[in-house]
Amino acid sequence: MLNRGKISNMQQKTSYKSNKHEDGEHLKKKYTTISFDEALELCQKYITKIATNAFRREHNPARKREMTKAYIYEFVDSQKPVVEGFNDLSDLKKSLTNEITHYGPITKAMQDASIDEIRANAPDQIFVESGGKTLRWEENFNDREHMERIISKLIGVSKVRLTPKIPMVNARTIEGYRVNATHGEISPYSAPAFLIRKFSKKSITPEVMIKNESFSTNMFKLLSLIPKSDLSWITVGPTGSGKTTLNEILVKEINPMSRIITIENPSEMRLIRREGNSEHGRIINDVLQYESVPDDDDSSPATMENLLINAMRQSPHWIGPGELRTPGEFATALRAAQTGHYFFTTLHAEGDREAIYRFLTAYLMASNEPAELALRNICNAVKFVVYQEKLADGTRKVTSISEILGSDGLEPIINPIYKFVCEDVLEEEGSHKVLKILGKHKRVGSLSEKVQQSMLKSGIKKSRFNFLTEPPKDLEKEVYEPDGLNINY
């Protein structure tokens, strides 16, 4: 605690000749000024000393932050420390609050709902992604120690530590955001690094995606019929293209009484539905969600593959592995599909055909089946591939929807239904900065008789998909009007 005794000791250790022209107030500031790090340490000790048992037992992050903030204000108001670089105590309160209860220079980025991703490559290299575009963040960490302190706070809730022996960690923040951090020892510049993937507290709705021209009205009509008709699908695309968000929208089209089991790492989809969309309403859908651990985590057997095997014993109608990565996961997912379960998942691939070959390659690494038989089984299990991309203007679009008809030898038979056609790029004059990718969605095919029969058997009236049964017309044009879609969530 900063008190008169401490100030006196600091004065005694300093030898100087008094300048008769310097007034007493100037001398007091000159020889009692402390650094921000010292003030931070004193404040933390102050909180530790006076904190109540109620504070120590509080587990709600928001409530604990408010209690901590009150202690910080009490420390500053009672002790009135003179801190280098702070002429106003209100500014000091704000900075101490950011350091102790928040995340220093990235606090505003963590609180800004428009920012989707925060990346720090070094103390003075912070970038954020907003609206699909990468921007330089104006604030920086003071030094490596400052950055490491904030990293510890970010990953602390997951009870993991970043050390030279454990130089890479995946964790989750108090807010539920995914964070990956690396130790400075594995950097040629001795700089730690981290990346935070934020998840919006509000789900993106189909209406918003239609207005943003992520897909057209008719495209959503088709997308919504895929889960309603018990047709397994794969959503593919590059990292950050919005695959999980799209899957969350499609899963909500599944009959609420159809049992769904999802397995993700980390858990991102919010699938619980409540009566009247009320926060405390009765849950109306049969959904069970699991969070898997990495395969190299010896602390738990809850790997994706083990949870997939267990899920098949829990009477699921649908199984949703968040993303298939290892050969064993691909093999287990295919086995689930072959034993009467419908599934949806995501893959990193560059298109519909590439997604099928990615599945085949991974599956063959865990199976001794002939390649042709394996491909036939995969193409029988996967009914649709939805490809989503993030374009150079920051927008995310479904750029193709394809039906998988089967296979011919080692060739998957693919029936494209929709695709996005790029036409030009709108640039800013002089700088050539990309303002907008100009293009349009276009229907390029019609549904097979087999899928039409599946939709009818699932109770889907033909008038709801009749527009997809005829070949596309030359003058056919996609519109982006969400009105009248009768979306119930």
Protein backbone atom coordinates (compact mmCIF):
# COMPACT_ATOMS: atom_id res chain seq x y z
CA MET A 1 0.00 0.00 0.00
CA LEU A 2 1.30 3.47 -0.84
CA ASN A 3 1.48 5.39 2.45
CA ARG A 4 3.45 8.14 4.08
CA GLY A 5 6.03 5.68 5.38
CA LYS A 6 6.78 4.46 1.86
CA ILE A 7 7.01 8.01 0.59
CA SER A 8 9.40 8.89 3.42
CA ASN A 9 11.67 5.92 2.63
CA MET A 10 11.77 6.89 -1.03
CA GLN A 11 12.74 10.43 -0.08
CA GLN A 12 15.52 9.26 2.28
CA LYS A 13 17.11 7.07 -0.39
CA THR A 14 17.38 10.03 -2.76
CA SER A 15 20.16 12.55 -2.22
CA TYR A 16 19.77 15.91 -3.81
CA LYS A 17 20.40 19.58 -3.22
CA SER A 18 17.27 21.55 -2.62
CA ASN A 19 16.63 24.19 -5.19
CA LYS A 20 15.23 27.24 -3.53
CA HIS A 21 13.28 28.08 -6.70
CA GLU A 22 11.40 24.74 -6.66
CA ASP A 23 8.21 24.81 -4.64
CA GLY A 24 7.16 22.05 -2.26
CA GLU A 25 4.46 20.62 -4.54
CA HIS A 26 6.94 20.14 -7.40
CA LEU A 27 9.40 18.39 -5.10
CA LYS A 28 6.69 16.11 -3.77
CA LYS A 29 5.73 14.98 -7.27
CA LYS A 30 9.36 14.64 -8.32
CA TYR A 31 10.33 12.27 -5.55
CA THR A 32 7.09 10.34 -4.97
CA THR A 33 6.21 9.52 -8.59
CA ILE A 34 5.99 5.80 -9.27
CA SER A 35 5.67 3.83 -12.50
CA PHE A 36 2.38 2.37 -13.71
CA ASP A 37 3.66 -1.17 -13.08
CA GLU A 38 4.41 -0.23 -9.46
CA ALA A 39 0.92 1.26 -9.10
CA LEU A 40 -0.55 -1.89 -10.59
CA GLU A 41 1.32 -4.08 -8.10
CA LEU A 42 0.26 -1.88 -5.17
CA CYS A 43 -3.35 -1.93 -6.32
CA GLN A 44 -3.39 -5.72 -6.62
CA LYS A 45 -1.91 -6.06 -3.11
CA TYR A 46 -4.52 -3.62 -1.82
CA ILE A 47 -7.34 -5.71 -3.31
CA THR A 48 -5.86 -8.92 -1.91
CA LYS A 49 -5.67 -7.39 1.55
CA ILE A 50 -9.18 -5.90 1.82
CA ALA A 51 -11.19 -8.28 -0.41
CA THR A 52 -14.13 -9.93 1.36
CA ASN A 53 -15.01 -13.62 1.41
CA ALA A 54 -17.99 -12.83 -0.81
CA PHE A 55 -15.58 -11.46 -3.43
CA ARG A 56 -13.42 -14.59 -3.29
CA ARG A 57 -16.45 -16.87 -3.63
CA GLU A 58 -17.95 -14.94 -6.55
CA HIS A 59 -17.80 -17.02 -9.79
CA ASN A 60 -19.82 -14.80 -12.11
CA PRO A 61 -17.22 -13.01 -14.30
CA ALA A 62 -19.35 -9.89 -14.87
CA ARG A 63 -20.20 -9.52 -11.17
CA LYS A 64 -16.59 -10.10 -10.09
CA ARG A 65 -15.37 -7.46 -12.52
CA GLU A 66 -17.78 -4.91 -11.05
CA MET A 67 -16.62 -5.73 -7.50
CA THR A 68 -12.96 -5.48 -8.58
CA LYS A 69 -13.63 -2.15 -10.26
CA ALA A 70 -15.07 -0.81 -6.99
CA TYR A 71 -11.89 -1.89 -5.13
CA ILE A 72 -9.69 -0.20 -7.75
CA TYR A 73 -11.60 3.07 -7.42
CA GLU A 74 -11.34 2.83 -3.63
CA PHE A 75 -7.56 2.34 -3.87
CA VAL A 76 -7.04 5.35 -6.13
CA ASP A 77 -9.37 7.64 -4.16
CA SER A 78 -7.87 6.74 -0.79
CA GLN A 79 -4.19 6.54 -1.73
CA LYS A 80 -4.05 9.14 -4.52
CA PRO A 81 -0.80 7.74 -5.99
CA VAL A 82 1.28 9.99 -8.23
CA VAL A 83 1.92 7.83 -11.29
CA GLU A 84 4.20 8.66 -14.18
CA GLY A 85 2.21 9.66 -17.26
CA PHE A 86 -1.07 10.16 -15.39
CA ASN A 87 -2.09 13.70 -14.47
CA ASP A 88 -5.70 12.77 -13.86
CA LEU A 89 -6.77 10.14 -11.32
CA SER A 90 -9.76 9.20 -13.51
CA ASP A 91 -7.36 8.17 -16.29
CA LEU A 92 -5.40 6.09 -13.79
CA LYS A 93 -8.60 4.38 -12.62
CA LYS A 94 -9.47 3.54 -16.21
CA SER A 95 -6.03 2.09 -16.99
CA LEU A 96 -5.89 0.05 -13.77
CA THR A 97 -9.38 -1.28 -14.47
CA ASN A 98 -8.35 -2.29 -17.99
CA GLU A 99 -5.25 -4.08 -16.70
CA ILE A 100 -6.85 -5.86 -13.76
CA THR A 101 -10.38 -6.61 -14.94
CA HIS A 102 -9.93 -6.51 -18.70
CA TYR A 103 -7.18 -6.97 -21.27
CA GLY A 104 -5.07 -3.82 -21.47
CA PRO A 105 -4.71 -2.44 -25.02
CA ILE A 106 -7.14 -4.99 -26.54
CA THR A 107 -9.97 -4.29 -24.07
CA LYS A 108 -11.91 -2.15 -26.56
CA ALA A 109 -11.42 -4.76 -29.29
CA MET A 110 -12.78 -7.47 -26.97
CA GLN A 111 -15.84 -5.34 -26.23
CA ASP A 112 -16.47 -4.19 -29.81
CA ALA A 113 -19.16 -6.45 -31.28
CA SER A 114 -18.14 -5.51 -34.83
CA ILE A 115 -14.66 -7.07 -34.39
CA ASP A 116 -14.55 -10.79 -35.19
CA GLU A 117 -10.88 -11.58 -34.64
CA ILE A 118 -7.91 -10.15 -32.72
CA ARG A 119 -4.33 -11.08 -33.69
CA ALA A 120 -1.17 -10.07 -31.85
CA ASN A 121 2.15 -11.09 -33.44
CA ALA A 122 4.30 -9.10 -30.97
CA PRO A 123 3.75 -6.40 -28.33
CA ASP A 124 3.65 -3.68 -31.00
CA GLN A 125 1.94 -5.71 -33.74
CA ILE A 126 -1.81 -5.99 -33.11
CA PHE A 127 -4.34 -6.49 -35.89
CA VAL A 128 -8.12 -6.95 -35.85
CA GLU A 129 -10.61 -8.23 -38.37
CA SER A 130 -13.90 -6.38 -38.77
CA GLY A 131 -16.43 -6.90 -41.52
CA GLY A 132 -14.10 -9.39 -43.17
CA LYS A 133 -11.25 -6.85 -43.45
CA THR A 134 -7.97 -6.74 -41.52
CA LEU A 135 -7.12 -3.45 -39.77
CA ARG A 136 -4.12 -2.28 -37.74
CA TRP A 137 -5.04 -1.74 -34.06
CA GLU A 138 -3.82 1.62 -32.74
CA GLU A 139 -2.93 0.52 -29.19
CA ASN A 140 0.04 -1.68 -28.24
CA PHE A 141 1.38 -3.64 -25.28
CA ASN A 142 4.15 -1.93 -23.30
CA ASP A 143 6.59 -4.82 -23.66
CA ARG A 144 6.85 -8.62 -23.74
CA GLU A 145 6.12 -8.96 -20.01
CA HIS A 146 2.97 -6.87 -20.38
CA MET A 147 1.78 -9.03 -23.28
CA GLU A 148 2.54 -12.27 -21.40
CA ARG A 149 0.53 -11.01 -18.42
CA ILE A 150 -2.52 -10.42 -20.63
CA ILE A 151 -2.08 -13.84 -22.30
CA SER A 152 -2.12 -15.46 -18.85
CA LYS A 153 -5.39 -13.67 -18.14
CA LEU A 154 -6.87 -14.75 -21.49
CA ILE A 155 -6.11 -18.45 -21.00
CA GLY A 156 -6.39 -18.54 -17.21
CA VAL A 157 -10.05 -19.55 -17.15
CA SER A 158 -9.14 -22.75 -19.05
CA LYS A 159 -6.63 -23.62 -16.32
CA VAL A 160 -3.73 -23.94 -18.77
CA ARG A 161 -0.32 -22.28 -18.71
CA LEU A 162 1.99 -21.14 -21.49
CA THR A 163 5.57 -22.18 -20.73
CA PRO A 164 8.72 -23.07 -22.72
CA LYS A 165 7.80 -26.74 -22.19
CA ILE A 166 4.19 -26.11 -23.32
CA PRO A 167 4.78 -23.39 -25.96
CA MET A 168 1.38 -23.73 -27.72
CA VAL A 169 -2.05 -23.72 -26.07
CA ASN A 170 -5.67 -23.67 -27.17
CA ALA A 171 -8.02 -22.22 -24.59
CA ARG A 172 -11.17 -20.24 -24.05
CA THR A 173 -11.61 -16.80 -22.48
CA ILE A 174 -14.15 -15.91 -19.79
CA GLU A 175 -16.39 -14.64 -22.59
CA GLY A 176 -16.25 -18.02 -24.33
CA TYR A 177 -14.03 -16.85 -27.20
CA ARG A 178 -11.50 -19.25 -28.68
CA VAL A 179 -7.85 -18.28 -28.14
CA ASN A 180 -4.61 -19.80 -29.42
CA ALA A 181 -1.35 -18.57 -27.86
CA THR A 182 2.32 -19.32 -28.46
CA HIS A 183 5.35 -18.73 -26.21
CA GLY A 184 8.09 -16.29 -27.15
CA GLU A 185 10.69 -19.07 -26.97
CA ILE A 186 9.52 -20.50 -30.32
CA SER A 187 9.71 -17.12 -32.07
CA PRO A 188 12.93 -15.95 -33.79
CA TYR A 189 12.14 -12.51 -32.32
CA SER A 190 11.38 -13.87 -28.81
CA ALA A 191 7.89 -12.47 -29.14
CA PRO A 192 4.78 -14.23 -27.79
CA ALA A 193 1.69 -14.27 -30.00
CA PHE A 194 -2.01 -14.99 -29.76
CA LEU A 195 -5.18 -15.09 -31.83
CA ILE A 196 -8.71 -14.65 -30.49
CA ARG A 197 -11.73 -15.82 -32.48
CA LYS A 198 -14.80 -14.03 -31.17
CA PHE A 199 -18.30 -15.43 -31.44
CA SER A 200 -21.24 -13.08 -31.56
CA LYS A 201 -23.65 -13.37 -28.66
CA LYS A 202 -26.47 -12.97 -31.17
CA SER A 203 -27.05 -15.56 -33.85
CA ILE A 204 -27.02 -14.34 -37.44
CA THR A 205 -30.42 -14.90 -39.00
CA PRO A 206 -31.27 -16.05 -42.54
CA GLU A 207 -32.96 -12.67 -43.11
CA VAL A 208 -29.67 -10.86 -42.41
CA MET A 209 -27.70 -13.18 -44.69
CA ILE A 210 -30.22 -12.71 -47.50
CA LYS A 211 -30.07 -8.93 -47.12
CA ASN A 212 -26.26 -9.18 -47.18
CA GLU A 213 -26.59 -11.27 -50.37
CA SER A 214 -24.79 -14.24 -48.84
CA PHE A 215 -27.40 -16.30 -50.63
CA SER A 216 -30.61 -15.53 -52.51
CA THR A 217 -34.17 -16.13 -51.32
CA ASN A 218 -34.57 -19.23 -53.49
CA MET A 219 -31.17 -20.54 -52.40
CA PHE A 220 -32.29 -20.39 -48.79
CA LYS A 221 -35.49 -22.21 -49.70
CA LEU A 222 -33.33 -25.06 -51.01
CA LEU A 223 -30.89 -24.90 -48.07
CA SER A 224 -33.75 -25.08 -45.57
CA LEU A 225 -35.24 -28.15 -47.31
CA ILE A 226 -32.00 -30.16 -47.08
CA PRO A 227 -32.18 -30.72 -43.28
CA LYS A 228 -35.97 -30.91 -43.32
CA SER A 229 -35.72 -33.84 -45.77
CA ASP A 230 -33.08 -35.78 -43.78
CA LEU A 231 -30.42 -35.23 -46.44
CA SER A 232 -26.88 -35.24 -45.03
CA TRP A 233 -24.69 -32.35 -46.07
CA ILE A 234 -21.14 -30.98 -45.79
CA THR A 235 -20.37 -27.27 -45.59
CA VAL A 236 -16.94 -26.51 -47.04
CA GLY A 237 -14.74 -23.48 -47.49
CA PRO A 238 -11.54 -21.76 -46.32
CA THR A 239 -10.85 -20.73 -42.70
CA GLY A 240 -13.02 -17.82 -41.59
CA SER A 241 -15.52 -18.17 -44.42
CA GLY A 242 -18.48 -18.63 -42.07
CA LYS A 243 -19.05 -22.38 -42.31
CA THR A 244 -20.09 -22.81 -38.67
CA THR A 245 -22.50 -19.87 -38.83
CA LEU A 246 -24.14 -21.31 -41.94
CA ASN A 247 -24.41 -24.76 -40.36
CA GLU A 248 -26.05 -23.26 -37.27
CA ILE A 249 -28.71 -21.72 -39.51
CA LEU A 250 -29.32 -25.00 -41.36
CA VAL A 251 -29.44 -27.14 -38.20
CA LYS A 252 -32.25 -24.96 -36.86
CA GLU A 253 -34.33 -26.11 -39.84
CA ILE A 254 -34.28 -29.70 -38.52
CA ASN A 255 -37.50 -30.88 -36.85
CA PRO A 256 -37.20 -29.91 -33.15
CA MET A 257 -38.14 -33.46 -32.09
CA SER A 258 -35.38 -35.04 -34.19
CA ARG A 259 -32.58 -35.83 -31.75
CA ILE A 260 -29.36 -33.97 -32.62
CA ILE A 261 -25.92 -34.64 -31.11
CA THR A 262 -23.11 -32.24 -31.95
CA ILE A 263 -19.39 -32.55 -31.17
CA GLU A 264 -17.19 -29.49 -31.56
CA ASN A 265 -13.82 -28.17 -30.40
CA PRO A 266 -14.55 -25.60 -29.14
CA SER A 267 -18.35 -25.57 -28.98
CA GLU A 268 -19.56 -22.69 -31.16
CA MET A 269 -23.08 -23.45 -32.38
CA ARG A 270 -25.98 -22.29 -30.21
CA LEU A 271 -28.74 -24.72 -30.98
CA ILE A 272 -30.94 -24.68 -27.86
CA ARG A 273 -34.37 -23.34 -28.80
CA ARG A 274 -36.84 -22.05 -26.24
CA GLU A 275 -40.57 -21.58 -26.35
CA GLY A 276 -41.45 -18.16 -27.72
CA ASN A 277 -37.73 -17.41 -28.19
CA SER A 278 -37.74 -16.36 -24.53
CA GLU A 279 -34.49 -16.44 -22.57
CA HIS A 280 -36.10 -18.53 -19.83
CA GLY A 281 -38.70 -20.33 -21.91
CA ARG A 282 -39.12 -24.10 -21.95
CA ILE A 283 -36.60 -25.89 -24.20
CA ILE A 284 -38.43 -27.27 -27.25
CA ASN A 285 -35.74 -29.15 -29.20
CA ASP A 286 -33.97 -32.44 -28.45
CA VAL A 287 -30.32 -31.45 -28.79
CA LEU A 288 -27.23 -32.69 -26.96
CA GLN A 289 -23.93 -30.85 -27.43
CA TYR A 290 -20.42 -32.07 -26.56
CA GLU A 291 -17.04 -30.36 -26.59
CA SER A 292 -14.12 -32.58 -27.58
CA VAL A 293 -10.47 -32.34 -26.57
CA PRO A 294 -7.53 -32.51 -29.03
CA ASP A 295 -6.25 -36.00 -29.88
CA ASP A 296 -2.93 -35.26 -28.14
CA ASP A 297 -4.63 -34.28 -24.86
CA ASP A 298 -3.97 -37.10 -22.40
CA SER A 299 -6.10 -35.53 -19.68
CA SER A 300 -9.40 -36.74 -21.14
CA PRO A 301 -10.65 -39.51 -23.45
CA ALA A 302 -13.28 -37.14 -24.90
CA THR A 303 -11.69 -36.89 -28.36
CA MET A 304 -13.80 -36.26 -31.44
CA GLU A 305 -13.52 -39.89 -32.54
CA ASN A 306 -14.46 -41.30 -29.10
CA LEU A 307 -17.40 -38.93 -28.76
CA LEU A 308 -18.59 -39.85 -32.25
CA ILE A 309 -18.53 -43.54 -31.30
CA ASN A 310 -20.38 -42.78 -28.07
CA ALA A 311 -22.92 -40.60 -29.88
CA MET A 312 -24.05 -43.55 -32.00
CA ARG A 313 -25.14 -45.30 -28.78
CA GLN A 314 -27.34 -42.37 -27.73
CA SER A 315 -30.14 -42.80 -30.29
CA PRO A 316 -29.36 -39.76 -32.43
CA HIS A 317 -31.32 -38.89 -35.55
CA TRP A 318 -28.59 -36.44 -36.59
CA ILE A 319 -24.88 -36.39 -35.68
CA GLY A 320 -22.92 -33.17 -36.20
CA PRO A 321 -19.14 -33.35 -35.81
CA GLY A 322 -18.01 -29.72 -35.89
CA GLU A 323 -15.13 -30.41 -38.25
CA LEU A 324 -13.60 -33.68 -39.42
CA ARG A 325 -9.80 -33.63 -39.26
CA THR A 326 -8.24 -37.05 -38.62
CA PRO A 327 -8.67 -40.25 -40.69
CA GLY A 328 -10.37 -41.94 -37.74
CA GLU A 329 -12.95 -39.17 -37.51
CA PHE A 330 -13.78 -39.48 -41.23
CA ALA A 331 -14.10 -43.27 -40.88
CA THR A 332 -16.37 -43.00 -37.83
CA ALA A 333 -18.56 -40.35 -39.47
CA LEU A 334 -19.03 -42.57 -42.54
CA ARG A 335 -19.83 -45.55 -40.32
CA ALA A 336 -22.48 -43.45 -38.57
CA ALA A 337 -24.00 -42.55 -41.93
CA GLN A 338 -24.05 -46.20 -42.98
CA THR A 339 -25.86 -47.27 -39.80
CA GLY A 340 -28.92 -45.09 -40.27
CA HIS A 341 -27.75 -41.74 -38.87
CA TYR A 342 -27.87 -38.49 -40.81
CA PHE A 343 -24.94 -36.13 -40.41
CA PHE A 344 -23.67 -32.64 -41.12
CA THR A 345 -20.12 -31.39 -40.77
CA THR A 346 -17.57 -28.91 -42.12
CA LEU A 347 -14.37 -29.39 -44.12
CA HIS A 348 -11.60 -27.19 -45.42
CA ALA A 349 -11.75 -27.66 -49.19
CA GLU A 350 -11.75 -25.58 -52.37
CA GLY A 351 -15.05 -26.80 -53.80
CA ASP A 352 -17.59 -29.63 -53.97
CA ARG A 353 -15.44 -32.13 -55.88
CA GLU A 354 -12.39 -31.33 -53.73
CA ALA A 355 -14.45 -31.93 -50.58
CA ILE A 356 -15.42 -35.43 -51.73
CA TYR A 357 -11.80 -36.28 -52.60
CA ARG A 358 -10.63 -34.87 -49.24
CA PHE A 359 -13.12 -37.18 -47.52
CA LEU A 360 -11.94 -40.14 -49.63
CA THR A 361 -8.23 -39.50 -49.02
CA ALA A 362 -8.66 -39.23 -45.25
CA TYR A 363 -10.96 -42.25 -45.09
CA LEU A 364 -8.55 -44.49 -47.03
CA MET A 365 -5.82 -43.71 -44.50
CA ALA A 366 -7.94 -45.47 -41.87
CA SER A 367 -9.50 -48.17 -44.04
CA ASN A 368 -8.39 -51.06 -46.26
CA GLU A 369 -11.42 -50.76 -48.56
CA PRO A 370 -10.84 -50.47 -52.31
CA ALA A 371 -10.90 -46.80 -53.33
CA GLU A 372 -13.87 -47.23 -55.68
CA LEU A 373 -15.99 -48.87 -52.97
CA ALA A 374 -15.01 -46.19 -50.46
CA LEU A 375 -15.93 -43.40 -52.88
CA ARG A 376 -19.27 -45.03 -53.62
CA ASN A 377 -20.06 -45.25 -49.90
CA ILE A 378 -19.09 -41.61 -49.35
CA CYS A 379 -21.19 -40.39 -52.27
CA ASN A 380 -24.14 -42.42 -51.00
CA ALA A 381 -23.81 -40.84 -47.55
CA VAL A 382 -23.25 -37.20 -48.57
CA LYS A 383 -26.27 -35.78 -50.41
CA PHE A 384 -25.24 -32.11 -50.70
CA VAL A 385 -22.06 -30.04 -50.56
CA VAL A 386 -22.45 -26.32 -49.75
CA TYR A 387 -19.41 -24.18 -50.55
CA GLN A 388 -18.94 -20.83 -48.80
CA GLU A 389 -16.18 -18.25 -49.34
CA LYS A 390 -15.00 -14.94 -47.92
CA LEU A 391 -14.40 -12.59 -50.85
CA ALA A 392 -11.81 -9.80 -51.11
CA ASP A 393 -14.40 -7.15 -50.16
CA GLY A 394 -14.95 -8.91 -46.82
CA THR A 395 -18.36 -10.39 -47.69
CA ARG A 396 -19.14 -14.06 -47.09
CA LYS A 397 -21.15 -15.79 -49.78
CA VAL A 398 -22.42 -19.25 -50.57
CA THR A 399 -20.74 -19.67 -53.93
CA SER A 400 -22.13 -23.11 -54.82
CA ILE A 401 -24.73 -25.67 -53.76
CA SER A 402 -24.25 -29.09 -55.32
CA GLU A 403 -26.12 -32.38 -55.15
CA ILE A 404 -24.03 -35.56 -55.00
CA LEU A 405 -25.64 -38.17 -57.26
CA GLY A 406 -23.17 -41.03 -56.72
CA SER A 407 -19.90 -42.11 -58.28
CA ASP A 408 -18.53 -43.61 -61.47
CA GLY A 409 -15.35 -45.50 -60.68
CA LEU A 410 -13.12 -42.94 -59.01
CA GLU A 411 -15.18 -39.96 -60.21
CA PRO A 412 -17.90 -38.43 -58.02
CA ILE A 413 -21.03 -37.53 -60.00
CA ILE A 414 -21.92 -33.97 -59.04
CA ASN A 415 -25.05 -32.04 -59.97
CA PRO A 416 -24.48 -28.27 -59.44
CA ILE A 417 -27.70 -26.44 -58.51
CA TYR A 418 -26.50 -22.92 -57.68
CA LYS A 419 -23.29 -20.96 -58.11
CA PHE A 420 -22.01 -17.41 -57.69
CA VAL A 421 -20.61 -15.81 -60.85
CA CYS A 422 -18.08 -12.96 -60.40
CA GLU A 423 -18.41 -10.25 -63.05
CA ASP A 424 -16.06 -7.42 -62.03
CA VAL A 425 -14.44 -5.57 -59.12
CA LEU A 426 -15.41 -2.09 -57.91
CA GLU A 427 -12.22 -0.23 -56.88
CA GLU A 428 -11.47 3.03 -55.11
CA GLU A 429 -9.96 5.47 -57.53
CA GLY A 430 -6.23 5.98 -57.12
CA SER A 431 -5.57 3.43 -54.37
CA HIS A 432 -7.18 0.45 -56.18
CA LYS A 433 -8.67 -0.59 -52.85
CA VAL A 434 -11.34 -3.25 -53.36
CA LEU A 435 -14.76 -1.81 -52.50
CA LYS A 436 -17.02 -4.57 -53.78
CA ILE A 437 -16.93 -7.80 -55.75
CA LEU A 438 -19.59 -7.48 -58.43
CA GLY A 439 -21.46 -10.65 -59.31
CA LYS A 440 -24.68 -12.61 -59.01
CA HIS A 441 -26.02 -15.92 -57.83
CA LYS A 442 -27.38 -18.11 -60.56
CA ARG A 443 -29.30 -21.38 -60.70
CA VAL A 444 -27.44 -23.76 -63.01
CA GLY A 445 -29.24 -27.07 -62.46
CA SER A 446 -32.31 -28.87 -61.12
CA LEU A 447 -32.88 -31.46 -58.39
CA SER A 448 -32.64 -35.15 -59.25
CA GLU A 449 -35.71 -37.35 -59.10
CA LYS A 450 -34.17 -39.21 -56.16
CA VAL A 451 -33.91 -36.05 -54.01
CA GLN A 452 -37.41 -35.00 -55.05
CA GLN A 453 -38.73 -38.34 -53.79
CA SER A 454 -36.81 -37.91 -50.50
CA MET A 455 -38.43 -34.51 -50.00
CA LEU A 456 -41.92 -35.86 -50.71
CA LYS A 457 -41.38 -38.83 -48.35
CA SER A 458 -40.34 -36.35 -45.64
CA GLY A 459 -43.67 -34.55 -45.96
CA ILE A 460 -42.44 -31.62 -48.05
CA LYS A 461 -45.20 -30.42 -50.36
CA LYS A 462 -44.09 -30.36 -54.00
CA SER A 463 -45.09 -26.71 -54.45
CA ARG A 464 -42.31 -25.79 -52.02
CA PHE A 465 -39.57 -27.09 -54.32
CA ASN A 466 -41.33 -27.23 -57.69
CA PHE A 467 -39.23 -24.30 -58.97
CA LEU A 468 -36.14 -26.52 -58.56
CA THR A 469 -37.46 -29.42 -60.66
CA GLU A 470 -37.25 -27.68 -64.04
CA PRO A 471 -34.07 -26.69 -65.91
CA PRO A 472 -33.05 -23.05 -65.26
CA LYS A 473 -34.37 -20.48 -67.72
CA ASP A 474 -32.16 -17.91 -69.45
CA LEU A 475 -34.01 -14.95 -67.92
CA GLU A 476 -34.27 -16.46 -64.45
CA LYS A 477 -32.99 -14.00 -61.86
CA GLU A 478 -32.23 -14.45 -58.15
CA VAL A 479 -33.70 -11.95 -55.68
CA TYR A 480 -32.74 -11.09 -52.10
CA GLU A 481 -36.05 -10.53 -50.33
CA PRO A 482 -36.49 -12.38 -46.99
CA ASP A 483 -40.15 -11.40 -46.59
CA GLY A 484 -42.60 -14.29 -46.65
CA LEU A 485 -40.07 -17.05 -45.90
CA ASN A 486 -41.94 -18.08 -42.71
CA ILE A 487 -38.79 -18.57 -40.62
CA ASN A 488 -39.75 -19.72 -37.12
CA TYR A 489 -36.66 -18.89 -35.06
